Amino acid sequence: MNNILKRTLLPSLMAASLAGVTLVPAKPAAADDQVLRDVGIGAVTNVVTGAVRGHGNVLGNAAKGGVTGAAVNGANGLRKHGYRNHNRRSAVQDVGVGAGAGALTGAVTGDGRHTVGNAIDGAAVGGAIHLLTNHK
């Protein structure tokens, strides 16, 4: 049964992913450097916090941290209301968005039993992003 599923699902999944990749329009690389920076900070921070807590594997923690970093970056992209607030980040917002995104990402990836731990990991990601990128 397992071989039948592999033979029928994998080719269609590969075709769909290739079609999706080729149809996605390319964005300028200059706009993505801050997102990639925050994704990298999130991935590294979540790997460290996962190792300290003794929970999860390196790749899973890196993926969850990357998604959390992207969420923190996206929330900061919404804060551009004026010239003074353009480059200022809110520590409370970064930690709060990180905690929420960490808990949600853990629930989506099937790690819902450790919701509080995932929220703590996400808060650490938000705090690290705030500390490393504030006023840059």
C-alpha atoms as a PDB file:
ATOM      1  CA  MET A   1       0.000   0.000   0.000  1.00  0.00           C
ATOM      2  CA  ASN A   2       2.828   2.370   0.847  1.00  0.00           C
ATOM      3  CA  ASN A   3       4.491   1.868  -2.559  1.00  0.00           C
ATOM      4  CA  ILE A   4       1.196   2.475  -4.336  1.00  0.00           C
ATOM      5  CA  LEU A   5       0.784   5.795  -2.545  1.00  0.00           C
ATOM      6  CA  LYS A   6       4.353   6.797  -3.341  1.00  0.00           C
ATOM      7  CA  ARG A   7       3.956   5.967  -7.011  1.00  0.00           C
ATOM      8  CA  THR A   8       0.693   7.852  -7.395  1.00  0.00           C
ATOM      9  CA  LEU A   9       1.167  10.871  -5.138  1.00  0.00           C
ATOM     10  CA  LEU A  10       4.822  11.773  -5.577  1.00  0.00           C
ATOM     11  CA  PRO A  11       4.782  12.447  -9.346  1.00  0.00           C
ATOM     12  CA  SER A  12       1.717  14.665  -9.092  1.00  0.00           C
ATOM     13  CA  LEU A  13       3.183  16.469  -6.082  1.00  0.00           C
ATOM     14  CA  MET A  14       6.430  17.088  -7.944  1.00  0.00           C
ATOM     15  CA  ALA A  15       4.582  18.372 -11.015  1.00  0.00           C
ATOM     16  CA  ALA A  16       2.467  20.720  -8.918  1.00  0.00           C
ATOM     17  CA  SER A  17       5.470  22.079  -7.030  1.00  0.00           C
ATOM     18  CA  LEU A  18       7.446  22.653 -10.233  1.00  0.00           C
ATOM     19  CA  ALA A  19       4.505  24.446 -11.811  1.00  0.00           C
ATOM     20  CA  GLY A  20       4.086  26.594  -8.707  1.00  0.00           C
ATOM     21  CA  VAL A  21       7.748  27.538  -8.622  1.00  0.00           C
ATOM     22  CA  THR A  22       7.852  28.563 -12.265  1.00  0.00           C
ATOM     23  CA  LEU A  23       4.705  30.685 -12.039  1.00  0.00           C
ATOM     24  CA  VAL A  24       5.760  32.688  -8.963  1.00  0.00           C
ATOM     25  CA  PRO A  25       6.957  36.137 -10.019  1.00  0.00           C
ATOM     26  CA  ALA A  26      10.436  37.110  -8.898  1.00  0.00           C
ATOM     27  CA  LYS A  27      10.792  39.877  -6.318  1.00  0.00           C
ATOM     28  CA  PRO A  28      13.735  42.228  -6.098  1.00  0.00           C
ATOM     29  CA  ALA A  29      16.448  40.846  -3.835  1.00  0.00           C
ATOM     30  CA  ALA A  30      16.961  44.172  -2.046  1.00  0.00           C
ATOM     31  CA  ALA A  31      13.511  43.986  -0.455  1.00  0.00           C
ATOM     32  CA  ASP A  32      14.086  40.497   0.886  1.00  0.00           C
ATOM     33  CA  ASP A  33      17.358  41.043   2.750  1.00  0.00           C
ATOM     34  CA  GLN A  34      15.639  42.110   5.961  1.00  0.00           C
ATOM     35  CA  VAL A  35      13.238  39.179   5.782  1.00  0.00           C
ATOM     36  CA  LEU A  36      16.091  36.734   5.231  1.00  0.00           C
ATOM     37  CA  ARG A  37      18.030  38.304   8.094  1.00  0.00           C
ATOM     38  CA  ASP A  38      15.097  37.882  10.490  1.00  0.00           C
ATOM     39  CA  VAL A  39      14.420  34.343   9.254  1.00  0.00           C
ATOM     40  CA  GLY A  40      18.074  33.458   9.904  1.00  0.00           C
ATOM     41  CA  ILE A  41      18.057  35.023  13.362  1.00  0.00           C
ATOM     42  CA  GLY A  42      14.836  33.187  14.161  1.00  0.00           C
ATOM     43  CA  ALA A  43      16.157  29.849  12.967  1.00  0.00           C
ATOM     44  CA  VAL A  44      19.383  30.081  14.960  1.00  0.00           C
ATOM     45  CA  THR A  45      17.632  31.338  18.089  1.00  0.00           C
ATOM     46  CA  ASN A  46      15.013  28.600  18.005  1.00  0.00           C
ATOM     47  CA  VAL A  47      17.668  25.919  17.497  1.00  0.00           C
ATOM     48  CA  VAL A  48      19.458  27.201  20.602  1.00  0.00           C
ATOM     49  CA  THR A  49      16.300  27.433  22.712  1.00  0.00           C
ATOM     50  CA  GLY A  50      15.211  23.986  21.547  1.00  0.00           C
ATOM     51  CA  ALA A  51      18.584  22.581  22.577  1.00  0.00           C
ATOM     52  CA  VAL A  52      18.391  24.285  25.971  1.00  0.00           C
ATOM     53  CA  ARG A  53      14.894  22.908  26.541  1.00  0.00           C
ATOM     54  CA  GLY A  54      15.901  19.514  25.154  1.00  0.00           C
ATOM     55  CA  HIS A  55      12.950  19.488  22.811  1.00  0.00           C
ATOM     56  CA  GLY A  56      12.684  18.823  19.093  1.00  0.00           C
ATOM     57  CA  ASN A  57      15.297  18.260  16.452  1.00  0.00           C
ATOM     58  CA  VAL A  58      17.562  20.835  14.841  1.00  0.00           C
ATOM     59  CA  LEU A  59      15.760  21.023  11.492  1.00  0.00           C
ATOM     60  CA  GLY A  60      12.302  21.223  13.015  1.00  0.00           C
ATOM     61  CA  ASN A  61      13.357  23.931  15.443  1.00  0.00           C
ATOM     62  CA  ALA A  62      15.113  25.856  12.666  1.00  0.00           C
ATOM     63  CA  ALA A  63      11.994  25.728  10.506  1.00  0.00           C
ATOM     64  CA  LYS A  64       9.748  26.903  13.348  1.00  0.00           C
ATOM     65  CA  GLY A  65      12.189  29.690  14.195  1.00  0.00           C
ATOM     66  CA  GLY A  66      12.375  30.794  10.578  1.00  0.00           C
ATOM     67  CA  VAL A  67       8.603  31.061  10.321  1.00  0.00           C
ATOM     68  CA  THR A  68       8.514  32.976  13.598  1.00  0.00           C
ATOM     69  CA  GLY A  69      11.235  35.345  12.372  1.00  0.00           C
ATOM     70  CA  ALA A  70       9.286  35.991   9.188  1.00  0.00           C
ATOM     71  CA  ALA A  71       6.174  36.752  11.245  1.00  0.00           C
ATOM     72  CA  VAL A  72       8.074  39.228  13.422  1.00  0.00           C
ATOM     73  CA  ASN A  73       9.460  40.880  10.293  1.00  0.00           C
ATOM     74  CA  GLY A  74       6.005  41.067   8.775  1.00  0.00           C
ATOM     75  CA  ALA A  75       4.563  42.646  11.909  1.00  0.00           C
ATOM     76  CA  ASN A  76       7.292  45.273  11.862  1.00  0.00           C
ATOM     77  CA  GLY A  77       6.522  45.999   8.243  1.00  0.00           C
ATOM     78  CA  LEU A  78       3.061  47.095   9.352  1.00  0.00           C
ATOM     79  CA  ARG A  79       4.456  49.736  11.751  1.00  0.00           C
ATOM     80  CA  LYS A  80       5.376  52.313   9.116  1.00  0.00           C
ATOM     81  CA  HIS A  81       2.950  55.059  10.117  1.00  0.00           C
ATOM     82  CA  GLY A  82       5.295  58.014  10.025  1.00  0.00           C
ATOM     83  CA  TYR A  83       8.865  59.100   9.657  1.00  0.00           C
ATOM     84  CA  ARG A  84       9.636  58.679  13.375  1.00  0.00           C
ATOM     85  CA  ASN A  85       8.266  55.140  13.602  1.00  0.00           C
ATOM     86  CA  HIS A  86       9.825  53.962  10.347  1.00  0.00           C
ATOM     87  CA  ASN A  87      12.949  52.389  11.838  1.00  0.00           C
ATOM     88  CA  ARG A  88      11.859  51.901  15.441  1.00  0.00           C
ATOM     89  CA  ARG A  89      10.881  48.496  16.626  1.00  0.00           C
ATOM     90  CA  SER A  90       8.724  47.803  19.642  1.00  0.00           C
ATOM     91  CA  ALA A  91      10.173  45.206  22.033  1.00  0.00           C
ATOM     92  CA  VAL A  92       6.719  44.310  23.321  1.00  0.00           C
ATOM     93  CA  GLN A  93       5.426  43.836  19.794  1.00  0.00           C
ATOM     94  CA  ASP A  94       8.410  41.740  18.713  1.00  0.00           C
ATOM     95  CA  VAL A  95       8.198  39.449  21.746  1.00  0.00           C
ATOM     96  CA  GLY A  96       4.410  39.204  21.547  1.00  0.00           C
ATOM     97  CA  VAL A  97       4.314  38.437  17.841  1.00  0.00           C
ATOM     98  CA  GLY A  98       7.145  35.941  18.322  1.00  0.00           C
ATOM     99  CA  ALA A  99       5.306  34.166  21.125  1.00  0.00           C
ATOM    100  CA  GLY A 100       2.074  33.974  19.155  1.00  0.00           C
ATOM    101  CA  ALA A 101       3.770  32.847  15.966  1.00  0.00           C
ATOM    102  CA  GLY A 102       5.834  30.255  17.846  1.00  0.00           C
ATOM    103  CA  ALA A 103       2.747  28.767  19.492  1.00  0.00           C
ATOM    104  CA  LEU A 104       0.807  28.770  16.215  1.00  0.00           C
ATOM    105  CA  THR A 105       3.672  27.254  14.240  1.00  0.00           C
ATOM    106  CA  GLY A 106       4.067  24.531  16.852  1.00  0.00           C
ATOM    107  CA  ALA A 107       0.355  23.742  16.641  1.00  0.00           C
ATOM    108  CA  VAL A 108       0.456  23.594  12.836  1.00  0.00           C
ATOM    109  CA  THR A 109       3.526  21.352  12.753  1.00  0.00           C
ATOM    110  CA  GLY A 110       1.951  18.876  15.166  1.00  0.00           C
ATOM    111  CA  ASP A 111       3.820  19.971  18.269  1.00  0.00           C
ATOM    112  CA  GLY A 112       0.681  21.156  20.036  1.00  0.00           C
ATOM    113  CA  ARG A 113       1.482  19.377  23.295  1.00  0.00           C
ATOM    114  CA  HIS A 114       4.215  21.919  24.033  1.00  0.00           C
ATOM    115  CA  THR A 115       2.295  25.126  23.359  1.00  0.00           C
ATOM    116  CA  VAL A 116       3.806  27.065  26.262  1.00  0.00           C
ATOM    117  CA  GLY A 117       7.323  25.943  25.333  1.00  0.00           C
ATOM    118  CA  ASN A 118       6.736  26.917  21.711  1.00  0.00           C
ATOM    119  CA  ALA A 119       5.475  30.325  22.853  1.00  0.00           C
ATOM    120  CA  ILE A 120       8.608  30.764  24.987  1.00  0.00           C
ATOM    121  CA  ASP A 121      10.790  29.808  22.019  1.00  0.00           C
ATOM    122  CA  GLY A 122       8.924  32.297  19.836  1.00  0.00           C
ATOM    123  CA  ALA A 123       9.246  35.038  22.441  1.00  0.00           C
ATOM    124  CA  ALA A 124      12.995  34.385  22.538  1.00  0.00           C
ATOM    125  CA  VAL A 125      13.101  34.700  18.746  1.00  0.00           C
ATOM    126  CA  GLY A 126      11.213  38.002  18.887  1.00  0.00           C
ATOM    127  CA  GLY A 127      13.521  39.295  21.611  1.00  0.00           C
ATOM    128  CA  ALA A 128      16.633  38.261  19.705  1.00  0.00           C
ATOM    129  CA  ILE A 129      15.399  39.940  16.531  1.00  0.00           C
ATOM    130  CA  HIS A 130      14.617  43.086  18.496  1.00  0.00           C
ATOM    131  CA  LEU A 131      18.037  43.157  20.152  1.00  0.00           C
ATOM    132  CA  LEU A 132      19.994  42.440  16.996  1.00  0.00           C
ATOM    133  CA  THR A 133      18.129  44.654  14.537  1.00  0.00           C
ATOM    134  CA  ASN A 134      16.850  47.592  16.587  1.00  0.00           C
ATOM    135  CA  HIS A 135      17.727  51.015  15.082  1.00  0.00           C
ATOM    136  CA  LYS A 136      19.440  49.619  11.978  1.00  0.00           C
END
